[in-house]
Protein backbone atom coordinates (compact mmCIF):
# COMPACT_ATOMS: atom_id res chain seq x y z
CA MET A 1 -68.82 -110.51 30.79
CA ASN A 2 -68.65 -106.74 30.86
CA HIS A 3 -69.90 -105.71 34.27
CA ALA A 4 -69.09 -102.28 35.63
CA PRO A 5 -67.52 -102.30 39.06
CA ALA A 6 -69.89 -101.52 41.93
CA ARG A 7 -68.10 -98.23 42.58
CA THR A 8 -68.67 -96.97 39.02
CA ARG A 9 -72.29 -98.13 39.07
CA SER A 10 -72.84 -96.35 42.38
CA GLN A 11 -71.29 -93.17 41.00
CA ARG A 12 -73.58 -93.32 37.97
CA GLN A 13 -76.62 -93.80 40.19
CA ARG A 14 -75.61 -90.83 42.34
CA ALA A 15 -75.03 -88.69 39.25
CA ALA A 16 -78.43 -89.66 37.82
CA LEU A 17 -80.10 -88.84 41.13
CA ALA A 18 -78.31 -85.48 41.31
CA ILE A 19 -79.41 -84.61 37.77
CA ALA A 20 -83.01 -85.60 38.50
CA LEU A 21 -83.10 -83.57 41.70
CA SER A 22 -81.56 -80.53 40.02
CA CYS A 23 -84.15 -80.71 37.24
CA LEU A 24 -86.91 -80.77 39.84
CA ALA A 25 -85.35 -77.83 41.66
CA LEU A 26 -85.15 -75.76 38.47
CA THR A 27 -88.81 -76.15 37.56
CA ALA A 28 -90.98 -73.22 38.51
CA PRO A 29 -93.55 -73.88 41.22
CA ALA A 30 -97.15 -73.67 40.08
CA GLY A 31 -98.08 -71.01 42.58
CA ALA A 32 -100.33 -67.99 42.34
CA ALA A 33 -99.09 -67.18 38.83
CA VAL A 34 -101.63 -69.56 37.26
CA MET A 35 -104.88 -67.83 36.36
CA ILE A 36 -107.81 -69.40 34.53
CA SER A 37 -109.49 -66.74 32.42
CA GLN A 38 -111.80 -68.84 30.26
CA VAL A 39 -114.13 -71.72 31.06
CA TYR A 40 -115.86 -74.02 28.62
CA GLY A 41 -119.52 -73.94 29.55
CA GLY A 42 -120.75 -76.48 27.03
CA GLY A 43 -123.35 -73.95 25.90
CA GLY A 44 -125.43 -73.78 22.81
CA ASN A 45 -127.75 -76.67 23.52
CA LEU A 46 -131.37 -76.26 24.62
CA GLY A 47 -130.98 -76.80 28.38
CA ALA A 48 -127.64 -75.03 28.78
CA THR A 49 -127.13 -72.37 31.44
CA PHE A 50 -124.93 -70.38 29.09
CA THR A 51 -125.67 -69.70 25.44
CA ASN A 52 -122.00 -69.35 24.46
CA ASP A 53 -119.30 -72.00 24.47
CA TYR A 54 -116.69 -69.96 26.37
CA VAL A 55 -117.18 -67.74 29.40
CA GLU A 56 -114.48 -65.22 30.23
């Protein structure tokens, strides 16, 4: 059987965890930079509040 020693397996797990954490740290936080400028109003039908599909 080809089993990796526990030390090598542990090192791989630590490396995978370090890579995952560094990827999370490099992602930009979704802070105040997000701005919604258009909203779908579902307009155009008879009882709709808005007559257009998109409101900006």
